[in-house]
Amino acid sequence: MSRKKRVKDSLLAKHKKKNARMHKNNKPKYISKAERAKMEEEQAQMEQSPEVNDGTEKES
């Protein structure tokens, strides 16, 4: 029984490692609460202040 278990565990471990290598970085990068607040604040400032246009871009 222990030999069967050892072989099964070995194959299962190899399968898990292979699967982990294939499916990495599925989750988005973690952003802390402080970073999220900082990003929201910067975005709010960008929306409030109009961007300065130097006249090189064409307006449609």
PDB file of N, CA and C in Angstrom:
ATOM      1  N   MET A   1       0.818  -1.193   0.000  1.00  0.00           N
ATOM      2  CA  MET A   1       0.000   0.000   0.000  1.00  0.00           C
ATOM      3  C   MET A   1       0.863   1.258   0.000  1.00  0.00           C
ATOM      4  N   SER A   2       1.948   1.250   0.754  1.00  0.00           N
ATOM      5  CA  SER A   2       2.759   2.459   0.844  1.00  0.00           C
ATOM      6  C   SER A   2       3.468   2.738  -0.483  1.00  0.00           C
ATOM      7  N   ARG A   3       3.825   1.678  -1.230  1.00  0.00           N
ATOM      8  CA  ARG A   3       4.476   1.898  -2.519  1.00  0.00           C
ATOM      9  C   ARG A   3       3.509   2.574  -3.491  1.00  0.00           C
ATOM     10  N   LYS A   4       2.270   2.104  -3.500  1.00  0.00           N
ATOM     11  CA  LYS A   4       1.255   2.701  -4.374  1.00  0.00           C
ATOM     12  C   LYS A   4       1.043   4.172  -4.009  1.00  0.00           C
ATOM     13  N   LYS A   5       0.970   4.430  -2.721  1.00  0.00           N
ATOM     14  CA  LYS A   5       0.751   5.804  -2.256  1.00  0.00           C
ATOM     15  C   LYS A   5       1.925   6.699  -2.652  1.00  0.00           C
ATOM     16  N   ARG A   6       3.131   6.194  -2.498  1.00  0.00           N
ATOM     17  CA  ARG A   6       4.320   6.971  -2.826  1.00  0.00           C
ATOM     18  C   ARG A   6       4.360   7.311  -4.320  1.00  0.00           C
ATOM     19  N   VAL A   7       4.033   6.331  -5.166  1.00  0.00           N
ATOM     20  CA  VAL A   7       4.020   6.557  -6.612  1.00  0.00           C
ATOM     21  C   VAL A   7       2.921   7.547  -6.978  1.00  0.00           C
ATOM     22  N   LYS A   8       1.754   7.346  -6.394  1.00  0.00           N
ATOM     23  CA  LYS A   8       0.629   8.239  -6.672  1.00  0.00           C
ATOM     24  C   LYS A   8       0.960   9.670  -6.248  1.00  0.00           C
ATOM     25  N   ASP A   9       1.524   9.831  -5.061  1.00  0.00           N
ATOM     26  CA  ASP A   9       1.886  11.158  -4.570  1.00  0.00           C
ATOM     27  C   ASP A   9       2.942  11.813  -5.461  1.00  0.00           C
ATOM     28  N   SER A  10       3.893  11.001  -5.932  1.00  0.00           N
ATOM     29  CA  SER A  10       4.941  11.516  -6.798  1.00  0.00           C
ATOM     30  C   SER A  10       4.355  12.035  -8.108  1.00  0.00           C
ATOM     31  N   LEU A  11       3.487  11.249  -8.722  1.00  0.00           N
ATOM     32  CA  LEU A  11       2.869  11.658  -9.983  1.00  0.00           C
ATOM     33  C   LEU A  11       1.956  12.865  -9.789  1.00  0.00           C
ATOM     34  N   LEU A  12       1.240  12.877  -8.684  1.00  0.00           N
ATOM     35  CA  LEU A  12       0.354  13.995  -8.394  1.00  0.00           C
ATOM     36  C   LEU A  12       1.152  15.287  -8.188  1.00  0.00           C
ATOM     37  N   ALA A  13       2.275  15.191  -7.505  1.00  0.00           N
ATOM     38  CA  ALA A  13       3.118  16.362  -7.273  1.00  0.00           C
ATOM     39  C   ALA A  13       3.669  16.896  -8.595  1.00  0.00           C
ATOM     40  N   LYS A  14       4.102  15.988  -9.479  1.00  0.00           N
ATOM     41  CA  LYS A  14       4.600  16.414 -10.787  1.00  0.00           C
ATOM     42  C   LYS A  14       3.507  17.113 -11.577  1.00  0.00           C
ATOM     43  N   HIS A  15       2.304  16.564 -11.521  1.00  0.00           N
ATOM     44  CA  HIS A  15       1.172  17.146 -12.239  1.00  0.00           C
ATOM     45  C   HIS A  15       0.845  18.540 -11.701  1.00  0.00           C
ATOM     46  N   LYS A  16       0.857  18.688 -10.382  1.00  0.00           N
ATOM     47  CA  LYS A  16       0.567  19.988  -9.774  1.00  0.00           C
ATOM     48  C   LYS A  16       1.621  21.026 -10.171  1.00  0.00           C
ATOM     49  N   LYS A  17       2.892  20.622 -10.189  1.00  0.00           N
ATOM     50  CA  LYS A  17       3.964  21.544 -10.566  1.00  0.00           C
ATOM     51  C   LYS A  17       3.827  21.965 -12.023  1.00  0.00           C
ATOM     52  N   LYS A  18       3.505  21.002 -12.893  1.00  0.00           N
ATOM     53  CA  LYS A  18       3.327  21.299 -14.311  1.00  0.00           C
ATOM     54  C   LYS A  18       2.167  22.272 -14.495  1.00  0.00           C
ATOM     55  N   ASN A  19       1.078  22.016 -13.798  1.00  0.00           N
ATOM     56  CA  ASN A  19      -0.103  22.865 -13.882  1.00  0.00           C
ATOM     57  C   ASN A  19       0.204  24.273 -13.381  1.00  0.00           C
ATOM     58  N   ALA A  20       0.961  24.364 -12.303  1.00  0.00           N
ATOM     59  CA  ALA A  20       1.304  25.667 -11.731  1.00  0.00           C
ATOM     60  C   ALA A  20       2.179  26.463 -12.693  1.00  0.00           C
ATOM     61  N   ARG A  21       3.094  25.789 -13.396  1.00  0.00           N
ATOM     62  CA  ARG A  21       3.950  26.470 -14.356  1.00  0.00           C
ATOM     63  C   ARG A  21       3.146  26.986 -15.540  1.00  0.00           C
ATOM     64  N   MET A  22       2.142  26.233 -15.952  1.00  0.00           N
ATOM     65  CA  MET A  22       1.342  26.617 -17.112  1.00  0.00           C
ATOM     66  C   MET A  22       0.415  27.783 -16.804  1.00  0.00           C
ATOM     67  N   HIS A  23      -0.102  27.855 -15.596  1.00  0.00           N
ATOM     68  CA  HIS A  23      -1.122  28.842 -15.246  1.00  0.00           C
ATOM     69  C   HIS A  23      -0.615  29.833 -14.212  1.00  0.00           C
ATOM     70  N   LYS A  24       0.445  30.537 -14.536  1.00  0.00           N
ATOM     71  CA  LYS A  24       0.930  31.526 -13.580  1.00  0.00           C
ATOM     72  C   LYS A  24       0.427  32.911 -13.954  1.00  0.00           C
ATOM     73  N   ASN A  25       0.380  33.758 -12.996  1.00  0.00           N
ATOM     74  CA  ASN A  25      -0.034  35.157 -13.152  1.00  0.00           C
ATOM     75  C   ASN A  25      -1.465  35.312 -13.664  1.00  0.00           C
ATOM     76  N   ASN A  26      -2.375  34.544 -13.135  1.00  0.00           N
ATOM     77  CA  ASN A  26      -3.776  34.707 -13.501  1.00  0.00           C
ATOM     78  C   ASN A  26      -4.418  35.834 -12.708  1.00  0.00           C
ATOM     79  N   LYS A  27      -3.864  36.114 -11.548  1.00  0.00           N
ATOM     80  CA  LYS A  27      -4.439  37.148 -10.698  1.00  0.00           C
ATOM     81  C   LYS A  27      -3.810  38.494 -11.032  1.00  0.00           C
ATOM     82  N   PRO A  28      -4.578  39.555 -10.909  1.00  0.00           N
ATOM     83  CA  PRO A  28      -3.983  40.878 -11.104  1.00  0.00           C
ATOM     84  C   PRO A  28      -3.040  41.203  -9.944  1.00  0.00           C
ATOM     85  N   LYS A  29      -2.095  42.087 -10.203  1.00  0.00           N
ATOM     86  CA  LYS A  29      -1.132  42.472  -9.184  1.00  0.00           C
ATOM     87  C   LYS A  29      -1.858  43.139  -8.018  1.00  0.00           C
ATOM     88  N   TYR A  30      -1.444  42.810  -6.790  1.00  0.00           N
ATOM     89  CA  TYR A  30      -2.078  43.370  -5.596  1.00  0.00           C
ATOM     90  C   TYR A  30      -1.719  44.840  -5.461  1.00  0.00           C
ATOM     91  N   ILE A  31      -2.727  45.661  -5.223  1.00  0.00           N
ATOM     92  CA  ILE A  31      -2.530  47.085  -4.980  1.00  0.00           C
ATOM     93  C   ILE A  31      -3.097  47.384  -3.594  1.00  0.00           C
ATOM     94  N   SER A  32      -2.251  47.927  -2.732  1.00  0.00           N
ATOM     95  CA  SER A  32      -2.672  48.186  -1.357  1.00  0.00           C
ATOM     96  C   SER A  32      -3.738  49.270  -1.308  1.00  0.00           C
ATOM     97  N   LYS A  33      -4.415  49.320  -0.174  1.00  0.00           N
ATOM     98  CA  LYS A  33      -5.487  50.295   0.013  1.00  0.00           C
ATOM     99  C   LYS A  33      -4.949  51.722  -0.102  1.00  0.00           C
ATOM    100  N   ALA A  34      -3.767  51.958   0.448  1.00  0.00           N
ATOM    101  CA  ALA A  34      -3.156  53.288   0.386  1.00  0.00           C
ATOM    102  C   ALA A  34      -2.820  53.659  -1.057  1.00  0.00           C
ATOM    103  N   GLU A  35      -2.309  52.690  -1.821  1.00  0.00           N
ATOM    104  CA  GLU A  35      -1.990  52.946  -3.225  1.00  0.00           C
ATOM    105  C   GLU A  35      -3.251  53.247  -4.024  1.00  0.00           C
ATOM    106  N   ARG A  36      -4.327  52.507  -3.747  1.00  0.00           N
ATOM    107  CA  ARG A  36      -5.594  52.746  -4.449  1.00  0.00           C
ATOM    108  C   ARG A  36      -6.113  54.148  -4.154  1.00  0.00           C
ATOM    109  N   ALA A  37      -6.018  54.566  -2.890  1.00  0.00           N
ATOM    110  CA  ALA A  37      -6.466  55.907  -2.509  1.00  0.00           C
ATOM    111  C   ALA A  37      -5.618  56.967  -3.210  1.00  0.00           C
ATOM    112  N   LYS A  38      -4.317  56.728  -3.277  1.00  0.00           N
ATOM    113  CA  LYS A  38      -3.414  57.663  -3.935  1.00  0.00           C
ATOM    114  C   LYS A  38      -3.743  57.766  -5.428  1.00  0.00           C
ATOM    115  N   MET A  39      -4.010  56.625  -6.064  1.00  0.00           N
ATOM    116  CA  MET A  39      -4.345  56.628  -7.489  1.00  0.00           C
ATOM    117  C   MET A  39      -5.662  57.359  -7.742  1.00  0.00           C
ATOM    118  N   GLU A  40      -6.650  57.141  -6.871  1.00  0.00           N
ATOM    119  CA  GLU A  40      -7.937  57.821  -7.015  1.00  0.00           C
ATOM    120  C   GLU A  40      -7.771  59.334  -6.854  1.00  0.00           C
ATOM    121  N   GLU A  41      -6.934  59.734  -5.908  1.00  0.00           N
ATOM    122  CA  GLU A  41      -6.691  61.158  -5.677  1.00  0.00           C
ATOM    123  C   GLU A  41      -6.024  61.797  -6.896  1.00  0.00           C
ATOM    124  N   GLU A  42      -5.032  61.105  -7.461  1.00  0.00           N
ATOM    125  CA  GLU A  42      -4.355  61.619  -8.650  1.00  0.00           C
ATOM    126  C   GLU A  42      -5.324  61.725  -9.826  1.00  0.00           C
ATOM    127  N   GLN A  43      -6.184  60.721  -9.968  1.00  0.00           N
ATOM    128  CA  GLN A  43      -7.153  60.728 -11.055  1.00  0.00           C
ATOM    129  C   GLN A  43      -8.146  61.884 -10.884  1.00  0.00           C
ATOM    130  N   ALA A  44      -8.564  62.130  -9.653  1.00  0.00           N
ATOM    131  CA  ALA A  44      -9.485  63.232  -9.387  1.00  0.00           C
ATOM    132  C   ALA A  44      -8.826  64.573  -9.713  1.00  0.00           C
ATOM    133  N   GLN A  45      -7.550  64.702  -9.404  1.00  0.00           N
ATOM    134  CA  GLN A  45      -6.832  65.936  -9.714  1.00  0.00           C
ATOM    135  C   GLN A  45      -6.708  66.130 -11.219  1.00  0.00           C
ATOM    136  N   MET A  46      -6.491  65.038 -11.940  1.00  0.00           N
ATOM    137  CA  MET A  46      -6.372  65.119 -13.400  1.00  0.00           C
ATOM    138  C   MET A  46      -7.693  65.561 -14.014  1.00  0.00           C
ATOM    139  N   GLU A  47      -8.800  65.079 -13.477  1.00  0.00           N
ATOM    140  CA  GLU A  47     -10.108  65.427 -14.012  1.00  0.00           C
ATOM    141  C   GLU A  47     -10.466  66.877 -13.697  1.00  0.00           C
ATOM    142  N   GLN A  48     -10.055  67.361 -12.535  1.00  0.00           N
ATOM    143  CA  GLN A  48     -10.383  68.725 -12.131  1.00  0.00           C
ATOM    144  C   GLN A  48      -9.594  69.755 -12.925  1.00  0.00           C
ATOM    145  N   SER A  49      -8.317  69.529 -13.080  1.00  0.00           N
ATOM    146  CA  SER A  49      -7.487  70.515 -13.777  1.00  0.00           C
ATOM    147  C   SER A  49      -7.500  70.223 -15.276  1.00  0.00           C
ATOM    148  N   PRO A  50      -7.862  71.220 -16.094  1.00  0.00           N
ATOM    149  CA  PRO A  50      -7.850  71.000 -17.548  1.00  0.00           C
ATOM    150  C   PRO A  50      -6.416  70.874 -18.035  1.00  0.00           C
ATOM    151  N   GLU A  51      -6.221  70.005 -19.017  1.00  0.00           N
ATOM    152  CA  GLU A  51      -4.874  69.797 -19.542  1.00  0.00           C
ATOM    153  C   GLU A  51      -4.482  70.985 -20.407  1.00  0.00           C
ATOM    154  N   VAL A  52      -3.236  71.366 -20.302  1.00  0.00           N
ATOM    155  CA  VAL A  52      -2.719  72.480 -21.087  1.00  0.00           C
ATOM    156  C   VAL A  52      -2.402  71.953 -22.475  1.00  0.00           C
ATOM    157  N   ASN A  53      -2.953  72.601 -23.485  1.00  0.00           N
ATOM    158  CA  ASN A  53      -2.744  72.183 -24.858  1.00  0.00           C
ATOM    159  C   ASN A  53      -1.778  73.158 -25.509  1.00  0.00           C
ATOM    160  N   ASP A  54      -0.681  72.641 -26.088  1.00  0.00           N
ATOM    161  CA  ASP A  54       0.308  73.522 -26.690  1.00  0.00           C
ATOM    162  C   ASP A  54       0.012  73.843 -28.146  1.00  0.00           C
ATOM    163  N   GLY A  55      -1.107  73.395 -28.668  1.00  0.00           N
ATOM    164  CA  GLY A  55      -1.518  73.732 -30.015  1.00  0.00           C
ATOM    165  C   GLY A  55      -0.978  72.802 -31.081  1.00  0.00           C
ATOM    166  N   THR A  56      -0.186  71.807 -30.724  1.00  0.00           N
ATOM    167  CA  THR A  56       0.369  70.899 -31.723  1.00  0.00           C
ATOM    168  C   THR A  56      -0.606  69.792 -32.094  1.00  0.00           C
ATOM    169  N   GLU A  57      -1.556  69.510 -31.249  1.00  0.00           N
ATOM    170  CA  GLU A  57      -2.518  68.447 -31.530  1.00  0.00           C
ATOM    171  C   GLU A  57      -3.715  69.019 -32.275  1.00  0.00           C
ATOM    172  N   LYS A  58      -4.259  68.211 -33.168  1.00  0.00           N
ATOM    173  CA  LYS A  58      -5.445  68.632 -33.902  1.00  0.00           C
ATOM    174  C   LYS A  58      -6.676  68.332 -33.075  1.00  0.00           C
ATOM    175  N   GLU A  59      -7.595  69.265 -33.046  1.00  0.00           N
ATOM    176  CA  GLU A  59      -8.840  69.045 -32.325  1.00  0.00           C
ATOM    177  C   GLU A  59      -9.912  68.676 -33.325  1.00  0.00           C
ATOM    178  N   SER A  60     -10.694  67.642 -33.018  1.00  0.00           N
ATOM    179  CA  SER A  60     -11.731  67.188 -33.944  1.00  0.00           C
ATOM    180  C   SER A  60     -13.063  67.789 -33.626  1.00  0.00           C
TER     181      SER A  60
END
